[in-house]
Amino acid sequence: MEEKKPKKNALNIIIAILLIIIGVLLFLLLSPQISKKKNRDPNARLGQYEGKSQEEIQAELNRIVEEGMFNISINPNVTLENGEAEADLRIENIAANHHLMSVVITLDETGEQIYSSGLIEPGYHIQTAPLSRPLKKGYYSATAVFTAYYAEDEKPAGQAAVKINIEVKK
């Protein structure tokens, strides 16, 4: 009988150590959540306050959607008198946009980039600009890719693209 006691004691010690380890791990896992919740107001409830009208709720939803919207504006039919003339791009970052933007134009047939703007602030526009290389007489299909950037850190916020036509007359 005396031989069983040391084995039983060793088993009890191992079980106790495992329980302590599990307890410490649970404490470490749960303590960040507990500390986050201790600063929360106990009277705060999830959702919008009671008694808000449907119009007030809709206005708030519209405001949230509007903040994420990004309007693009460019001349869809660019005409150049000759291949070296400035292009009448009419790129506009309307004042209602909440983002900076840049525009890159590439030829659809070759994928060649023929225009790249810098950052354009809301309320600013580019009426005309030179292309990065002269184009020969003819018609070209191109894609203008607009990239929106957060004003705070100039990190990309999203992209939109539009097909445009370019005509070089001479």
C-alpha atoms as a PDB file:
ATOM      1  CA  MET A   1       0.000   0.000   0.000  1.00  0.00           C
ATOM      2  CA  GLU A   2       2.827   2.355   0.653  1.00  0.00           C
ATOM      3  CA  GLU A   3       3.914   2.128  -3.001  1.00  0.00           C
ATOM      4  CA  LYS A   4       0.574   3.519  -4.258  1.00  0.00           C
ATOM      5  CA  LYS A   5       0.780   6.707  -2.156  1.00  0.00           C
ATOM      6  CA  PRO A   6       3.777   8.255  -3.975  1.00  0.00           C
ATOM      7  CA  LYS A   7       2.153   7.530  -7.360  1.00  0.00           C
ATOM      8  CA  LYS A   8      -1.144   8.959  -6.137  1.00  0.00           C
ATOM      9  CA  ASN A   9       0.601  12.038  -4.702  1.00  0.00           C
ATOM     10  CA  ALA A  10       2.544  12.589  -7.928  1.00  0.00           C
ATOM     11  CA  LEU A  11      -0.679  12.318  -9.934  1.00  0.00           C
ATOM     12  CA  ASN A  12      -2.398  14.825  -7.628  1.00  0.00           C
ATOM     13  CA  ILE A  13       0.520  17.250  -7.994  1.00  0.00           C
ATOM     14  CA  ILE A  14       0.428  16.960 -11.806  1.00  0.00           C
ATOM     15  CA  ILE A  15      -3.348  17.546 -11.830  1.00  0.00           C
ATOM     16  CA  ALA A  16      -2.936  20.571  -9.524  1.00  0.00           C
ATOM     17  CA  ILE A  17      -0.195  22.031 -11.746  1.00  0.00           C
ATOM     18  CA  LEU A  18      -2.347  21.513 -14.863  1.00  0.00           C
ATOM     19  CA  LEU A  19      -5.307  23.223 -13.181  1.00  0.00           C
ATOM     20  CA  ILE A  20      -3.100  26.170 -12.193  1.00  0.00           C
ATOM     21  CA  ILE A  21      -1.757  26.448 -15.772  1.00  0.00           C
ATOM     22  CA  ILE A  22      -5.297  26.325 -17.206  1.00  0.00           C
ATOM     23  CA  GLY A  23      -6.406  28.979 -14.701  1.00  0.00           C
ATOM     24  CA  VAL A  24      -3.505  31.276 -15.614  1.00  0.00           C
ATOM     25  CA  LEU A  25      -4.172  30.818 -19.343  1.00  0.00           C
ATOM     26  CA  LEU A  26      -7.881  31.594 -18.911  1.00  0.00           C
ATOM     27  CA  PHE A  27      -7.020  34.706 -16.904  1.00  0.00           C
ATOM     28  CA  LEU A  28      -4.575  35.891 -19.577  1.00  0.00           C
ATOM     29  CA  LEU A  29      -7.094  35.284 -22.360  1.00  0.00           C
ATOM     30  CA  LEU A  30     -10.035  36.940 -20.627  1.00  0.00           C
ATOM     31  CA  SER A  31      -8.315  39.873 -18.901  1.00  0.00           C
ATOM     32  CA  PRO A  32      -8.018  42.059 -22.071  1.00  0.00           C
ATOM     33  CA  GLN A  33     -11.770  41.685 -22.665  1.00  0.00           C
ATOM     34  CA  ILE A  34     -12.544  42.491 -19.048  1.00  0.00           C
ATOM     35  CA  SER A  35     -10.309  45.585 -19.066  1.00  0.00           C
ATOM     36  CA  LYS A  36     -11.937  46.828 -22.294  1.00  0.00           C
ATOM     37  CA  LYS A  37     -15.408  46.471 -20.832  1.00  0.00           C
ATOM     38  CA  LYS A  38     -14.599  48.197 -17.527  1.00  0.00           C
ATOM     39  CA  ASN A  39     -14.423  51.585 -19.317  1.00  0.00           C
ATOM     40  CA  ARG A  40     -17.772  51.074 -21.041  1.00  0.00           C
ATOM     41  CA  ASP A  41     -20.791  52.958 -19.789  1.00  0.00           C
ATOM     42  CA  PRO A  42     -23.214  50.434 -18.237  1.00  0.00           C
ATOM     43  CA  ASN A  43     -26.166  52.563 -19.379  1.00  0.00           C
ATOM     44  CA  ALA A  44     -25.187  52.420 -23.065  1.00  0.00           C
ATOM     45  CA  ARG A  45     -27.419  50.222 -25.227  1.00  0.00           C
ATOM     46  CA  LEU A  46     -26.778  48.794 -28.682  1.00  0.00           C
ATOM     47  CA  GLY A  47     -28.485  50.586 -31.572  1.00  0.00           C
ATOM     48  CA  GLN A  48     -29.977  54.017 -32.072  1.00  0.00           C
ATOM     49  CA  TYR A  49     -31.885  55.800 -29.358  1.00  0.00           C
ATOM     50  CA  GLU A  50     -35.584  55.093 -28.961  1.00  0.00           C
ATOM     51  CA  GLY A  51     -38.042  57.525 -30.461  1.00  0.00           C
ATOM     52  CA  LYS A  52     -35.885  58.434 -33.459  1.00  0.00           C
ATOM     53  CA  SER A  53     -38.091  59.106 -36.461  1.00  0.00           C
ATOM     54  CA  GLN A  54     -37.767  57.143 -39.692  1.00  0.00           C
ATOM     55  CA  GLU A  55     -36.570  60.365 -41.375  1.00  0.00           C
ATOM     56  CA  GLU A  56     -33.793  60.825 -38.784  1.00  0.00           C
ATOM     57  CA  ILE A  57     -32.680  57.213 -39.200  1.00  0.00           C
ATOM     58  CA  GLN A  58     -32.693  57.555 -43.004  1.00  0.00           C
ATOM     59  CA  ALA A  59     -30.753  60.849 -42.831  1.00  0.00           C
ATOM     60  CA  GLU A  60     -28.061  59.184 -40.699  1.00  0.00           C
ATOM     61  CA  LEU A  61     -27.835  56.219 -43.089  1.00  0.00           C
ATOM     62  CA  ASN A  62     -27.590  58.597 -46.061  1.00  0.00           C
ATOM     63  CA  ARG A  63     -24.783  60.518 -44.330  1.00  0.00           C
ATOM     64  CA  ILE A  64     -22.820  57.297 -43.757  1.00  0.00           C
ATOM     65  CA  VAL A  65     -23.283  56.210 -47.383  1.00  0.00           C
ATOM     66  CA  GLU A  66     -22.325  59.677 -48.657  1.00  0.00           C
ATOM     67  CA  GLU A  67     -19.047  59.591 -46.712  1.00  0.00           C
ATOM     68  CA  GLY A  68     -18.077  56.404 -48.548  1.00  0.00           C
ATOM     69  CA  MET A  69     -19.188  57.582 -51.993  1.00  0.00           C
ATOM     70  CA  PHE A  70     -16.692  58.608 -54.630  1.00  0.00           C
ATOM     71  CA  ASN A  71     -17.906  60.504 -57.698  1.00  0.00           C
ATOM     72  CA  ILE A  72     -15.784  60.484 -60.846  1.00  0.00           C
ATOM     73  CA  SER A  73     -15.868  62.926 -63.728  1.00  0.00           C
ATOM     74  CA  ILE A  74     -13.901  62.896 -66.990  1.00  0.00           C
ATOM     75  CA  ASN A  75     -14.482  63.819 -70.621  1.00  0.00           C
ATOM     76  CA  PRO A  76     -15.679  60.543 -72.239  1.00  0.00           C
ATOM     77  CA  ASN A  77     -14.737  61.708 -75.764  1.00  0.00           C
ATOM     78  CA  VAL A  78     -11.316  63.347 -75.775  1.00  0.00           C
ATOM     79  CA  THR A  79     -10.338  65.095 -79.019  1.00  0.00           C
ATOM     80  CA  LEU A  80      -6.817  66.254 -79.887  1.00  0.00           C
ATOM     81  CA  GLU A  81      -6.143  68.470 -82.915  1.00  0.00           C
ATOM     82  CA  ASN A  82      -2.823  66.678 -83.361  1.00  0.00           C
ATOM     83  CA  GLY A  83      -0.936  63.933 -81.562  1.00  0.00           C
ATOM     84  CA  GLU A  84       1.157  66.359 -79.527  1.00  0.00           C
ATOM     85  CA  ALA A  85      -1.634  68.708 -78.401  1.00  0.00           C
ATOM     86  CA  GLU A  86      -2.827  68.843 -74.804  1.00  0.00           C
ATOM     87  CA  ALA A  87      -5.791  66.575 -74.194  1.00  0.00           C
ATOM     88  CA  ASP A  88      -9.068  68.151 -73.049  1.00  0.00           C
ATOM     89  CA  LEU A  89      -9.487  65.639 -70.206  1.00  0.00           C
ATOM     90  CA  ARG A  90     -11.835  67.633 -67.943  1.00  0.00           C
ATOM     91  CA  ILE A  91     -11.037  65.535 -64.872  1.00  0.00           C
ATOM     92  CA  GLU A  92     -12.869  66.814 -61.813  1.00  0.00           C
ATOM     93  CA  ASN A  93     -12.740  65.838 -58.161  1.00  0.00           C
ATOM     94  CA  ILE A  94     -16.030  67.392 -57.102  1.00  0.00           C
ATOM     95  CA  ALA A  95     -16.166  69.258 -53.801  1.00  0.00           C
ATOM     96  CA  ALA A  96     -18.637  66.707 -52.362  1.00  0.00           C
ATOM     97  CA  ASN A  97     -16.000  63.948 -52.552  1.00  0.00           C
ATOM     98  CA  HIS A  98     -14.319  63.276 -49.231  1.00  0.00           C
ATOM     99  CA  HIS A  99     -11.228  61.758 -50.844  1.00  0.00           C
ATOM    100  CA  LEU A 100      -8.179  62.854 -52.772  1.00  0.00           C
ATOM    101  CA  MET A 101      -7.941  61.162 -56.155  1.00  0.00           C
ATOM    102  CA  SER A 102      -5.547  60.354 -58.956  1.00  0.00           C
ATOM    103  CA  VAL A 103      -6.237  59.252 -62.526  1.00  0.00           C
ATOM    104  CA  VAL A 104      -4.296  56.907 -64.806  1.00  0.00           C
ATOM    105  CA  ILE A 105      -5.311  56.482 -68.460  1.00  0.00           C
ATOM    106  CA  THR A 106      -4.195  53.421 -70.426  1.00  0.00           C
ATOM    107  CA  LEU A 107      -4.812  52.420 -74.031  1.00  0.00           C
ATOM    108  CA  ASP A 108      -7.079  49.367 -74.167  1.00  0.00           C
ATOM    109  CA  GLU A 109      -5.341  47.798 -77.163  1.00  0.00           C
ATOM    110  CA  THR A 110      -1.814  47.827 -75.730  1.00  0.00           C
ATOM    111  CA  GLY A 111      -2.266  48.511 -72.005  1.00  0.00           C
ATOM    112  CA  GLU A 112       0.206  51.379 -72.368  1.00  0.00           C
ATOM    113  CA  GLN A 113      -0.155  54.168 -69.830  1.00  0.00           C
ATOM    114  CA  ILE A 114      -0.533  57.504 -71.617  1.00  0.00           C
ATOM    115  CA  TYR A 115      -1.492  59.763 -68.704  1.00  0.00           C
ATOM    116  CA  SER A 116      -1.015  59.848 -64.945  1.00  0.00           C
ATOM    117  CA  SER A 117      -2.116  62.667 -62.672  1.00  0.00           C
ATOM    118  CA  GLY A 118      -0.848  63.593 -59.261  1.00  0.00           C
ATOM    119  CA  LEU A 119      -3.223  63.774 -56.308  1.00  0.00           C
ATOM    120  CA  ILE A 120      -6.235  66.005 -56.915  1.00  0.00           C
ATOM    121  CA  GLU A 121      -8.002  67.528 -53.915  1.00  0.00           C
ATOM    122  CA  PRO A 122     -11.805  67.754 -53.652  1.00  0.00           C
ATOM    123  CA  GLY A 123     -13.045  70.858 -55.459  1.00  0.00           C
ATOM    124  CA  TYR A 124     -10.129  70.875 -57.938  1.00  0.00           C
ATOM    125  CA  HIS A 125     -10.041  69.880 -61.607  1.00  0.00           C
ATOM    126  CA  ILE A 126      -7.680  69.363 -64.540  1.00  0.00           C
ATOM    127  CA  GLN A 127      -9.040  70.959 -67.698  1.00  0.00           C
ATOM    128  CA  THR A 128      -6.248  70.014 -70.115  1.00  0.00           C
ATOM    129  CA  ALA A 129      -2.995  68.107 -69.766  1.00  0.00           C
ATOM    130  CA  PRO A 130      -0.316  66.680 -72.050  1.00  0.00           C
ATOM    131  CA  LEU A 131      -0.246  62.938 -72.642  1.00  0.00           C
ATOM    132  CA  SER A 132       2.942  61.075 -71.783  1.00  0.00           C
ATOM    133  CA  ARG A 133       3.681  60.488 -75.479  1.00  0.00           C
ATOM    134  CA  PRO A 134       2.358  61.724 -78.827  1.00  0.00           C
ATOM    135  CA  LEU A 135      -0.396  59.676 -80.471  1.00  0.00           C
ATOM    136  CA  LYS A 136      -0.762  59.105 -84.207  1.00  0.00           C
ATOM    137  CA  LYS A 137      -3.878  60.183 -86.073  1.00  0.00           C
ATOM    138  CA  GLY A 138      -6.792  57.874 -85.339  1.00  0.00           C
ATOM    139  CA  TYR A 139      -9.272  56.614 -82.779  1.00  0.00           C
ATOM    140  CA  TYR A 140      -8.238  54.999 -79.513  1.00  0.00           C
ATOM    141  CA  SER A 141     -10.224  53.204 -76.828  1.00  0.00           C
ATOM    142  CA  ALA A 142      -8.828  53.798 -73.367  1.00  0.00           C
ATOM    143  CA  THR A 143      -9.613  53.229 -69.717  1.00  0.00           C
ATOM    144  CA  ALA A 144      -9.335  55.889 -67.024  1.00  0.00           C
ATOM    145  CA  VAL A 145      -8.771  54.411 -63.569  1.00  0.00           C
ATOM    146  CA  PHE A 146      -9.622  56.727 -60.683  1.00  0.00           C
ATOM    147  CA  THR A 147      -8.032  55.905 -57.339  1.00  0.00           C
ATOM    148  CA  ALA A 148      -9.468  57.484 -54.194  1.00  0.00           C
ATOM    149  CA  TYR A 149      -7.172  58.207 -51.237  1.00  0.00           C
ATOM    150  CA  TYR A 150      -7.974  59.040 -47.627  1.00  0.00           C
ATOM    151  CA  ALA A 151      -7.085  62.696 -47.038  1.00  0.00           C
ATOM    152  CA  GLU A 152      -5.629  61.963 -43.579  1.00  0.00           C
ATOM    153  CA  ASP A 153      -2.905  59.533 -44.633  1.00  0.00           C
ATOM    154  CA  GLU A 154      -3.106  59.368 -48.451  1.00  0.00           C
ATOM    155  CA  LYS A 155      -3.654  55.600 -48.338  1.00  0.00           C
ATOM    156  CA  PRO A 156      -5.835  54.120 -51.116  1.00  0.00           C
ATOM    157  CA  ALA A 157      -9.552  53.984 -50.307  1.00  0.00           C
ATOM    158  CA  GLY A 158     -10.872  52.437 -53.526  1.00  0.00           C
ATOM    159  CA  GLN A 159     -10.936  52.552 -57.310  1.00  0.00           C
ATOM    160  CA  ALA A 160     -13.355  53.144 -60.136  1.00  0.00           C
ATOM    161  CA  ALA A 161     -12.796  52.916 -63.894  1.00  0.00           C
ATOM    162  CA  VAL A 162     -14.482  54.349 -66.962  1.00  0.00           C
ATOM    163  CA  LYS A 163     -13.993  53.723 -70.682  1.00  0.00           C
ATOM    164  CA  ILE A 164     -13.153  56.770 -72.782  1.00  0.00           C
ATOM    165  CA  ASN A 165     -12.573  57.439 -76.486  1.00  0.00           C
ATOM    166  CA  ILE A 166      -9.662  59.449 -77.815  1.00  0.00           C
ATOM    167  CA  GLU A 167      -9.625  60.957 -81.304  1.00  0.00           C
ATOM    168  CA  VAL A 168      -6.475  62.439 -82.812  1.00  0.00           C
ATOM    169  CA  LYS A 169      -7.440  64.528 -85.852  1.00  0.00           C
ATOM    170  CA  LYS A 170      -4.024  65.135 -87.486  1.00  0.00           C
END
